[in-house]
C-alpha atoms as a PDB file:
ATOM      1  CA  MET A   1    -227.145 -85.519 103.478  1.00  0.00           C
ATOM      2  CA  LEU A   2    -228.614 -83.844 106.523  1.00  0.00           C
ATOM      3  CA  VAL A   3    -230.931 -86.113 108.468  1.00  0.00           C
ATOM      4  CA  ALA A   4    -234.495 -84.787 108.325  1.00  0.00           C
ATOM      5  CA  ASN A   5    -234.708 -84.156 112.085  1.00  0.00           C
ATOM      6  CA  LEU A   6    -231.385 -82.304 112.146  1.00  0.00           C
ATOM      7  CA  LYS A   7    -232.326 -80.265 109.102  1.00  0.00           C
ATOM      8  CA  ALA A   8    -235.601 -79.278 110.767  1.00  0.00           C
ATOM      9  CA  GLU A   9    -233.748 -78.246 113.934  1.00  0.00           C
ATOM     10  CA  LEU A  10    -231.273 -76.111 111.989  1.00  0.00           C
ATOM     11  CA  GLU A  11    -234.041 -74.450 110.020  1.00  0.00           C
ATOM     12  CA  THR A  12    -235.859 -73.751 113.288  1.00  0.00           C
ATOM     13  CA  ASP A  13    -232.705 -72.036 114.585  1.00  0.00           C
ATOM     14  CA  VAL A  14    -232.773 -69.771 111.544  1.00  0.00           C
ATOM     15  CA  TRP A  15    -236.478 -68.995 111.851  1.00  0.00           C
ATOM     16  CA  GLU A  16    -236.025 -68.092 115.519  1.00  0.00           C
ATOM     17  CA  CYS A  17    -233.073 -65.818 114.859  1.00  0.00           C
ATOM     18  CA  LEU A  18    -235.068 -63.994 112.186  1.00  0.00           C
ATOM     19  CA  ASP A  19    -237.582 -62.940 114.843  1.00  0.00           C
ATOM     20  CA  ALA A  20    -234.965 -60.306 115.734  1.00  0.00           C
ATOM     21  CA  VAL A  21    -235.200 -58.738 112.261  1.00  0.00           C
ATOM     22  CA  THR A  22    -237.991 -56.190 112.074  1.00  0.00           C
ATOM     23  CA  ASP A  23    -239.688 -54.199 109.391  1.00  0.00           C
ATOM     24  CA  PRO A  24    -238.009 -50.866 110.243  1.00  0.00           C
ATOM     25  CA  GLU A  25    -241.134 -48.817 109.674  1.00  0.00           C
ATOM     26  CA  LEU A  26    -243.450 -51.059 111.687  1.00  0.00           C
ATOM     27  CA  ASP A  27    -241.139 -52.491 114.393  1.00  0.00           C
ATOM     28  CA  GLU A  28    -242.670 -55.908 113.791  1.00  0.00           C
ATOM     29  CA  PRO A  29    -240.653 -59.091 113.118  1.00  0.00           C
ATOM     30  CA  ILE A  30    -240.440 -59.989 109.443  1.00  0.00           C
ATOM     31  CA  THR A  31    -241.447 -63.515 110.438  1.00  0.00           C
ATOM     32  CA  ASP A  32    -244.736 -62.239 111.880  1.00  0.00           C
ATOM     33  CA  MET A  33    -245.292 -60.076 108.808  1.00  0.00           C
ATOM     34  CA  GLY A  34    -244.968 -63.091 106.526  1.00  0.00           C
ATOM     35  CA  PHE A  35    -242.035 -61.607 104.619  1.00  0.00           C
ATOM     36  CA  VAL A  36    -239.804 -64.696 104.906  1.00  0.00           C
ATOM     37  CA  GLU A  37    -240.604 -66.915 101.947  1.00  0.00           C
ATOM     38  CA  ARG A  38    -238.123 -69.781 102.208  1.00  0.00           C
ATOM     39  CA  ILE A  39    -235.222 -71.027 104.336  1.00  0.00           C
ATOM     40  CA  GLU A  40    -232.807 -73.643 103.051  1.00  0.00           C
ATOM     41  CA  VAL A  41    -229.954 -75.292 104.972  1.00  0.00           C
ATOM     42  CA  THR A  42    -227.445 -77.407 103.035  1.00  0.00           C
ATOM     43  CA  ASP A  43    -225.164 -80.229 104.180  1.00  0.00           C
ATOM     44  CA  ALA A  44    -222.301 -77.732 104.291  1.00  0.00           C
ATOM     45  CA  ARG A  45    -224.222 -75.665 106.848  1.00  0.00           C
ATOM     46  CA  LYS A  46    -224.832 -72.944 104.324  1.00  0.00           C
ATOM     47  CA  VAL A  47    -228.076 -71.038 104.749  1.00  0.00           C
ATOM     48  CA  ARG A  48    -230.162 -69.373 102.082  1.00  0.00           C
ATOM     49  CA  VAL A  49    -233.005 -67.083 103.114  1.00  0.00           C
ATOM     50  CA  GLU A  50    -235.493 -65.778 100.563  1.00  0.00           C
ATOM     51  CA  PHE A  51    -237.825 -62.960 101.489  1.00  0.00           C
ATOM     52  CA  ARG A  52    -240.367 -60.764  99.775  1.00  0.00           C
ATOM     53  CA  LEU A  53    -242.121 -57.479 100.477  1.00  0.00           C
ATOM     54  CA  PRO A  54    -245.759 -56.429 100.066  1.00  0.00           C
ATOM     55  CA  THR A  55    -245.239 -54.538  96.795  1.00  0.00           C
ATOM     56  CA  TYR A  56    -242.770 -54.428  93.930  1.00  0.00           C
ATOM     57  CA  TRP A  57    -242.020 -50.789  94.803  1.00  0.00           C
ATOM     58  CA  CYS A  58    -241.500 -51.024  98.583  1.00  0.00           C
ATOM     59  CA  SER A  59    -238.898 -48.496  99.696  1.00  0.00           C
ATOM     60  CA  PRO A  60    -235.290 -49.562  98.955  1.00  0.00           C
ATOM     61  CA  ASN A  61    -234.437 -48.188 102.413  1.00  0.00           C
ATOM     62  CA  PHE A  62    -236.584 -50.869 104.037  1.00  0.00           C
ATOM     63  CA  ALA A  63    -235.358 -53.564 101.677  1.00  0.00           C
ATOM     64  CA  PHE A  64    -231.688 -52.840 102.374  1.00  0.00           C
ATOM     65  CA  LEU A  65    -232.179 -52.699 106.132  1.00  0.00           C
ATOM     66  CA  MET A  66    -234.127 -55.943 106.282  1.00  0.00           C
ATOM     67  CA  ALA A  67    -231.738 -57.781 103.958  1.00  0.00           C
ATOM     68  CA  PHE A  68    -228.699 -56.757 105.984  1.00  0.00           C
ATOM     69  CA  GLY A  69    -230.553 -57.536 109.203  1.00  0.00           C
ATOM     70  CA  ILE A  70    -231.259 -61.040 107.940  1.00  0.00           C
ATOM     71  CA  ARG A  71    -227.621 -61.618 107.025  1.00  0.00           C
ATOM     72  CA  LYS A  72    -226.390 -60.257 110.355  1.00  0.00           C
ATOM     73  CA  GLU A  73    -228.673 -62.498 112.412  1.00  0.00           C
ATOM     74  CA  VAL A  74    -228.083 -65.640 110.356  1.00  0.00           C
ATOM     75  CA  THR A  75    -224.293 -65.290 110.378  1.00  0.00           C
ATOM     76  CA  SER A  76    -224.404 -64.874 114.164  1.00  0.00           C
ATOM     77  CA  ILE A  77    -225.599 -68.498 114.529  1.00  0.00           C
ATOM     78  CA  PRO A  78    -222.502 -70.506 115.578  1.00  0.00           C
ATOM     79  CA  TRP A  79    -223.003 -73.421 113.184  1.00  0.00           C
ATOM     80  CA  VAL A  80    -223.599 -71.300 110.085  1.00  0.00           C
ATOM     81  CA  VAL A  81    -220.670 -71.428 107.639  1.00  0.00           C
ATOM     82  CA  GLU A  82    -222.101 -69.155 104.964  1.00  0.00           C
ATOM     83  CA  ALA A  83    -225.285 -67.159 104.455  1.00  0.00           C
ATOM     84  CA  GLU A  84    -227.009 -65.949 101.318  1.00  0.00           C
ATOM     85  CA  VAL A  85    -229.962 -63.559 101.286  1.00  0.00           C
ATOM     86  CA  GLN A  86    -232.315 -63.300  98.331  1.00  0.00           C
ATOM     87  CA  LEU A  87    -234.935 -60.550  97.955  1.00  0.00           C
ATOM     88  CA  ASN A  88    -237.577 -61.670  95.456  1.00  0.00           C
ATOM     89  CA  ASP A  89    -240.049 -59.731  93.313  1.00  0.00           C
ATOM     90  CA  HIS A  90    -238.684 -56.252  94.017  1.00  0.00           C
ATOM     91  CA  CYS A  91    -237.668 -53.432  91.687  1.00  0.00           C
ATOM     92  CA  PHE A  92    -234.374 -53.006  93.584  1.00  0.00           C
ATOM     93  CA  GLY A  93    -233.897 -56.724  94.202  1.00  0.00           C
ATOM     94  CA  GLU A  94    -230.757 -57.257  92.127  1.00  0.00           C
ATOM     95  CA  LYS A  95    -228.942 -54.344  93.765  1.00  0.00           C
ATOM     96  CA  VAL A  96    -230.043 -55.374  97.258  1.00  0.00           C
ATOM     97  CA  ASN A  97    -228.975 -58.975  96.695  1.00  0.00           C
ATOM     98  CA  GLU A  98    -225.645 -57.991  95.183  1.00  0.00           C
ATOM     99  CA  GLY A  99    -224.979 -55.583  98.018  1.00  0.00           C
ATOM    100  CA  VAL A 100    -225.968 -57.724 100.980  1.00  0.00           C
ATOM    101  CA  ASN A 101    -224.108 -60.806  99.770  1.00  0.00           C
ATOM    102  CA  SER A 102    -220.917 -58.854  99.083  1.00  0.00           C
ATOM    103  CA  GLY A 103    -220.284 -58.613 102.820  1.00  0.00           C
ATOM    104  CA  ARG A 104    -219.840 -54.843 102.750  1.00  0.00           C
ATOM    105  CA  ALA A 105    -221.553 -52.440 105.164  1.00  0.00           C
ATOM    106  CA  TYR A 106    -225.063 -51.501 104.122  1.00  0.00           C
ATOM    107  CA  HIS A 107    -224.279 -47.781 104.415  1.00  0.00           C
ATOM    108  CA  HIS A 108    -221.643 -48.143 101.715  1.00  0.00           C
ATOM    109  CA  ILE A 109    -223.828 -50.254  99.480  1.00  0.00           C
ATOM    110  CA  PHE A 110    -226.815 -47.959  99.793  1.00  0.00           C
ATOM    111  CA  ALA A 111    -224.689 -44.859  99.095  1.00  0.00           C
ATOM    112  CA  GLU A 112    -223.256 -46.543  96.013  1.00  0.00           C
ATOM    113  CA  TYR A 113    -226.665 -47.261  94.545  1.00  0.00           C
ATOM    114  CA  CYS A 114    -228.527 -44.184  95.789  1.00  0.00           C
ATOM    115  CA  ASP A 115    -226.431 -41.203  94.697  1.00  0.00           C
ATOM    116  CA  GLY A 116    -224.358 -41.020  97.851  1.00  0.00           C
ATOM    117  CA  ALA A 117    -227.307 -41.038 100.247  1.00  0.00           C
ATOM    118  CA  ARG A 118    -226.761 -42.605 103.673  1.00  0.00           C
ATOM    119  CA  LEU A 119    -229.133 -44.504 105.911  1.00  0.00           C
ATOM    120  CA  ASP A 120    -227.966 -43.098 109.247  1.00  0.00           C
ATOM    121  CA  GLU A 121    -230.789 -40.593 109.635  1.00  0.00           C
ATOM    122  CA  VAL A 122    -233.356 -43.059 108.340  1.00  0.00           C
ATOM    123  CA  VAL A 123    -232.224 -45.659 110.876  1.00  0.00           C
ATOM    124  CA  ASP A 124    -232.398 -43.122 113.715  1.00  0.00           C
ATOM    125  CA  THR A 125    -235.934 -42.134 112.713  1.00  0.00           C
ATOM    126  CA  PHE A 126    -237.099 -45.755 112.709  1.00  0.00           C
ATOM    127  CA  LEU A 127    -235.420 -46.462 116.053  1.00  0.00           C
ATOM    128  CA  ALA A 128    -237.120 -43.441 117.593  1.00  0.00           C
ATOM    129  CA  LYS A 129    -240.524 -44.707 116.445  1.00  0.00           C
ATOM    130  CA  ALA A 130    -239.794 -48.191 117.746  1.00  0.00           C
ATOM    131  CA  PHE A 131    -238.711 -46.724 121.078  1.00  0.00           C
ATOM    132  CA  ASP A 132    -241.913 -44.684 121.374  1.00  0.00           C
ATOM    133  CA  ARG A 133    -244.140 -47.635 120.565  1.00  0.00           C
ATOM    134  CA  ARG A 134    -242.424 -49.963 123.022  1.00  0.00           C
ATOM    135  CA  GLN A 135    -242.342 -47.328 125.755  1.00  0.00           C
ATOM    136  CA  GLU A 136    -246.042 -46.572 125.395  1.00  0.00           C
ATOM    137  CA  THR A 137    -246.948 -50.216 125.943  1.00  0.00           C
ATOM    138  CA  VAL A 138    -244.904 -50.377 129.138  1.00  0.00           C
ATOM    139  CA  LEU A 139    -246.233 -47.057 130.428  1.00  0.00           C
ATOM    140  CA  LEU A 140    -249.843 -48.081 129.857  1.00  0.00           C
ATOM    141  CA  GLY A 141    -249.123 -51.387 131.548  1.00  0.00           C
ATOM    142  CA  LEU A 142    -247.836 -49.576 134.620  1.00  0.00           C
ATOM    143  CA  GLN A 143    -250.929 -47.369 134.700  1.00  0.00           C
ATOM    144  CA  ALA A 144    -253.099 -50.476 134.519  1.00  0.00           C
ATOM    145  CA  LEU A 145    -251.236 -51.812 137.566  1.00  0.00           C
ATOM    146  CA  GLY A 146    -252.163 -48.686 139.514  1.00  0.00           C
ATOM    147  CA  HIS A 147    -248.982 -46.627 139.259  1.00  0.00           C
ATOM    148  CA  ASP A 148    -249.579 -42.888 139.131  1.00  0.00           C
ATOM    149  CA  ALA A 149    -247.648 -40.305 137.113  1.00  0.00           C
ATOM    150  CA  GLU A 150    -245.222 -39.523 139.938  1.00  0.00           C
ATOM    151  CA  ASP A 151    -244.390 -43.199 140.414  1.00  0.00           C
ATOM    152  CA  ILE A 152    -243.865 -43.782 136.729  1.00  0.00           C
ATOM    153  CA  VAL A 153    -241.649 -40.845 135.795  1.00  0.00           C
ATOM    154  CA  SER A 154    -239.436 -41.389 138.857  1.00  0.00           C
ATOM    155  CA  MET A 155    -239.160 -45.158 138.379  1.00  0.00           C
ATOM    156  CA  SER A 156    -235.619 -46.446 138.027  1.00  0.00           C
ATOM    157  CA  LEU A 157    -234.387 -49.091 135.646  1.00  0.00           C
ATOM    158  CA  GLY A 158    -233.878 -51.462 138.566  1.00  0.00           C
ATOM    159  CA  GLN A 159    -237.434 -50.922 139.793  1.00  0.00           C
ATOM    160  CA  LEU A 160    -238.883 -51.475 136.316  1.00  0.00           C
ATOM    161  CA  ARG A 161    -237.057 -54.785 135.985  1.00  0.00           C
ATOM    162  CA  ARG A 162    -238.825 -55.982 139.149  1.00  0.00           C
ATOM    163  CA  VAL A 163    -242.339 -55.119 137.982  1.00  0.00           C
ATOM    164  CA  VAL A 164    -244.471 -58.178 137.222  1.00  0.00           C
ATOM    165  CA  PHE A 165    -246.651 -57.674 134.176  1.00  0.00           C
ATOM    166  CA  SER A 166    -249.364 -60.098 133.075  1.00  0.00           C
ATOM    167  CA  GLY A 167    -250.579 -58.641 129.789  1.00  0.00           C
ATOM    168  CA  GLU A 168    -249.367 -60.384 126.640  1.00  0.00           C
ATOM    169  CA  GLU A 169    -248.333 -57.174 124.881  1.00  0.00           C
ATOM    170  CA  GLU A 170    -246.521 -55.811 127.941  1.00  0.00           C
ATOM    171  CA  LEU A 171    -244.615 -59.070 128.326  1.00  0.00           C
ATOM    172  CA  ARG A 172    -243.662 -58.940 124.652  1.00  0.00           C
ATOM    173  CA  GLN A 173    -242.603 -55.309 124.564  1.00  0.00           C
ATOM    174  CA  LEU A 174    -240.849 -54.935 127.936  1.00  0.00           C
ATOM    175  CA  PRO A 175    -237.649 -56.816 126.997  1.00  0.00           C
ATOM    176  CA  ARG A 176    -237.634 -55.103 123.602  1.00  0.00           C
ATOM    177  CA  TYR A 177    -237.962 -51.715 125.292  1.00  0.00           C
ATOM    178  CA  LEU A 178    -235.194 -52.504 127.759  1.00  0.00           C
ATOM    179  CA  ASP A 179    -232.902 -53.700 124.980  1.00  0.00           C
ATOM    180  CA  LEU A 180    -233.344 -50.485 123.015  1.00  0.00           C
ATOM    181  CA  LEU A 181    -233.100 -48.315 126.126  1.00  0.00           C
ATOM    182  CA  VAL A 182    -229.727 -49.833 127.007  1.00  0.00           C
ATOM    183  CA  ALA A 183    -228.452 -50.042 123.422  1.00  0.00           C
ATOM    184  CA  GLN A 184    -229.040 -46.316 122.928  1.00  0.00           C
ATOM    185  CA  GLY A 185    -227.298 -45.446 126.195  1.00  0.00           C
ATOM    186  CA  LEU A 186    -230.451 -43.870 127.606  1.00  0.00           C
ATOM    187  CA  ALA A 187    -230.218 -46.016 130.742  1.00  0.00           C
ATOM    188  CA  SER A 188    -227.802 -48.672 131.899  1.00  0.00           C
ATOM    189  CA  GLU A 189    -227.423 -48.565 135.679  1.00  0.00           C
ATOM    190  CA  PRO A 190    -230.155 -49.713 138.098  1.00  0.00           C
ATOM    191  CA  HIS A 191    -230.576 -46.170 139.435  1.00  0.00           C
ATOM    192  CA  ASP A 192    -231.039 -44.595 135.972  1.00  0.00           C
ATOM    193  CA  LEU A 193    -234.507 -43.370 135.079  1.00  0.00           C
ATOM    194  CA  ALA A 194    -236.475 -46.022 133.227  1.00  0.00           C
ATOM    195  CA  PHE A 195    -238.541 -43.601 131.135  1.00  0.00           C
ATOM    196  CA  PRO A 196    -236.561 -40.816 129.521  1.00  0.00           C
ATOM    197  CA  SER A 197    -237.682 -39.404 126.204  1.00  0.00           C
ATOM    198  CA  TRP A 198    -235.879 -40.503 123.044  1.00  0.00           C
ATOM    199  CA  ASP A 199    -233.780 -37.340 123.350  1.00  0.00           C
ATOM    200  CA  GLY A 200    -232.766 -38.325 126.868  1.00  0.00           C
ATOM    201  CA  ASP A 201    -234.880 -35.718 128.645  1.00  0.00           C
ATOM    202  CA  GLU A 202    -236.660 -36.381 131.925  1.00  0.00           C
ATOM    203  CA  ILE A 203    -240.455 -36.390 131.851  1.00  0.00           C
ATOM    204  CA  ALA A 204    -242.186 -34.395 134.577  1.00  0.00           C
ATOM    205  CA  PRO A 205    -245.324 -35.867 136.174  1.00  0.00           C
ATOM    206  CA  HIS A 206    -247.545 -33.177 134.656  1.00  0.00           C
ATOM    207  CA  GLU A 207    -246.079 -33.902 131.213  1.00  0.00           C
ATOM    208  CA  LEU A 208    -246.869 -37.609 131.205  1.00  0.00           C
ATOM    209  CA  ARG A 209    -250.353 -37.271 129.685  1.00  0.00           C
ATOM    210  CA  ALA A 210    -249.073 -35.191 126.765  1.00  0.00           C
ATOM    211  CA  HIS A 211    -246.129 -37.554 126.342  1.00  0.00           C
ATOM    212  CA  LEU A 212    -248.497 -40.526 126.128  1.00  0.00           C
ATOM    213  CA  ALA A 213    -250.604 -38.687 123.556  1.00  0.00           C
ATOM    214  CA  LYS A 214    -247.500 -38.265 121.402  1.00  0.00           C
ATOM    215  CA  LEU A 215    -246.625 -41.956 121.750  1.00  0.00           C
ATOM    216  CA  ARG A 216    -250.194 -42.907 120.879  1.00  0.00           C
ATOM    217  CA  GLY A 217    -249.946 -40.936 117.636  1.00  0.00           C
ATOM    218  CA  THR A 218    -246.800 -42.852 116.696  1.00  0.00           C
ATOM    219  CA  ARG A 219    -248.448 -46.197 117.471  1.00  0.00           C
ATOM    220  CA  ILE A 220    -251.601 -45.461 115.475  1.00  0.00           C
ATOM    221  CA  ASN A 221    -249.513 -44.483 112.465  1.00  0.00           C
ATOM    222  CA  MET A 222    -247.436 -47.662 112.717  1.00  0.00           C
ATOM    223  CA  GLU A 223    -250.501 -49.855 113.190  1.00  0.00           C
ATOM    224  CA  PHE A 224    -252.175 -48.307 110.153  1.00  0.00           C
ATOM    225  CA  ASN A 225    -249.076 -48.901 108.029  1.00  0.00           C
ATOM    226  CA  GLY A 226    -248.845 -52.446 109.374  1.00  0.00           C
ATOM    227  CA  ALA A 227    -252.444 -53.219 108.444  1.00  0.00           C
ATOM    228  CA  LEU A 228    -251.860 -51.759 104.990  1.00  0.00           C
ATOM    229  CA  CYS A 229    -248.716 -53.860 104.469  1.00  0.00           C
ATOM    230  CA  ARG A 230    -250.435 -57.053 105.558  1.00  0.00           C
ATOM    231  CA  GLY A 231    -253.367 -56.351 103.267  1.00  0.00           C
ATOM    232  CA  LEU A 232    -251.120 -55.649 100.290  1.00  0.00           C
ATOM    233  CA  ALA A 233    -249.089 -58.790 100.965  1.00  0.00           C
ATOM    234  CA  ARG A 234    -252.217 -60.958 101.228  1.00  0.00           C
ATOM    235  CA  THR A 235    -253.517 -59.565  97.967  1.00  0.00           C
ATOM    236  CA  ARG A 236    -250.219 -59.908  96.133  1.00  0.00           C
ATOM    237  CA  TYR A 237    -249.343 -63.402  97.323  1.00  0.00           C
ATOM    238  CA  LYS A 238    -252.766 -64.931  97.893  1.00  0.00           C
ATOM    239  CA  GLU A 239    -252.633 -68.595  96.922  1.00  0.00           C
ATOM    240  CA  VAL A 240    -255.956 -69.788  95.540  1.00  0.00           C
ATOM    241  CA  GLU A 241    -257.249 -72.449  93.222  1.00  0.00           C
ATOM    242  CA  ILE A 242    -257.506 -71.108  89.685  1.00  0.00           C
ATOM    243  CA  GLY A 243    -259.232 -73.034  86.923  1.00  0.00           C
ATOM    244  CA  PRO A 244    -257.199 -75.021  84.374  1.00  0.00           C
ATOM    245  CA  ASP A 245    -257.676 -72.283  81.769  1.00  0.00           C
ATOM    246  CA  GLY A 246    -256.146 -69.633  84.031  1.00  0.00           C
ATOM    247  CA  PRO A 247    -257.679 -66.729  85.965  1.00  0.00           C
ATOM    248  CA  THR A 248    -260.960 -65.308  84.796  1.00  0.00           C
ATOM    249  CA  LEU A 249    -262.289 -61.777  85.054  1.00  0.00           C
ATOM    250  CA  ILE A 250    -264.085 -62.601  88.301  1.00  0.00           C
ATOM    251  CA  ASP A 251    -260.813 -63.893  89.788  1.00  0.00           C
ATOM    252  CA  PHE A 252    -259.237 -60.493  89.269  1.00  0.00           C
ATOM    253  CA  ILE A 253    -262.311 -58.615  90.498  1.00  0.00           C
ATOM    254  CA  GLU A 254    -262.332 -60.632  93.711  1.00  0.00           C
ATOM    255  CA  GLY A 255    -258.569 -60.353  94.143  1.00  0.00           C
ATOM    256  CA  ARG A 256    -257.848 -64.001  93.383  1.00  0.00           C
ATOM    257  CA  VAL A 257    -254.520 -64.305  91.595  1.00  0.00           C
ATOM    258  CA  PRO A 258    -252.309 -67.336  91.036  1.00  0.00           C
ATOM    259  CA  SER A 259    -249.171 -67.758  93.126  1.00  0.00           C
ATOM    260  CA  ARG A 260    -245.717 -67.780  91.536  1.00  0.00           C
ATOM    261  CA  GLU A 261    -245.517 -71.529  92.218  1.00  0.00           C
ATOM    262  CA  GLU A 262    -248.781 -72.122  90.380  1.00  0.00           C
ATOM    263  CA  LEU A 263    -247.640 -70.079  87.416  1.00  0.00           C
ATOM    264  CA  ALA A 264    -244.333 -71.957  87.297  1.00  0.00           C
ATOM    265  CA  ALA A 265    -246.129 -75.314  87.437  1.00  0.00           C
ATOM    266  CA  ARG A 266    -248.207 -74.326  84.450  1.00  0.00           C
ATOM    267  CA  GLY A 267    -245.078 -73.556  82.442  1.00  0.00           C
END
């Protein structure tokens, strides 16, 4: 059997790798959102990850993308021999679980279960929103440091990498912005512009204010959806003490519901 300390270390590896899996609509790690329910590592270095979403009817698009993201990240860990992903409490759970654990590409699985539909356009839409949100944080950070519009829109990738930020959100989003910028081929060389639009267009100094207003709209929408998801998840999975005779009317009125573990323990 795995020694307790080693098991804890391996599970920590898995938790850390899952930070790279985001809710596609919110661009927030599923670990921060509380979606990961359980991680299990066996003696054979097989990993099982169980996750859940805020509602039973959360979009299958999101469920498929997160499930395949989990599998991709876990199987990238060198010591992992096999990975299994389990989506719990979801109307599409069986199809998602069957698809992700088959090892086939998510585009094929999704098309099979969703009348030939593909996720390419959906993925691009989510990436564009993530790009906008990350870019806004970096742009506002530069303004806070005293850079004017001319400085910002002409800044190169090499120059941006040398900027020293101190704000927590800027430090969190800068590497994520750079990763997406490079991954999408929008900038790669030190002399490339650091702040193109998602479509690859240059931003003129006089356009920066309007561009920031657009990015702000994207962020507000994502933050609203994030707050809604967290609230729904807290309500759905709130673990509270319920009396021995089960929940009463006041428990339901106040949003107190028993957890799945509590219900299972009661038989």
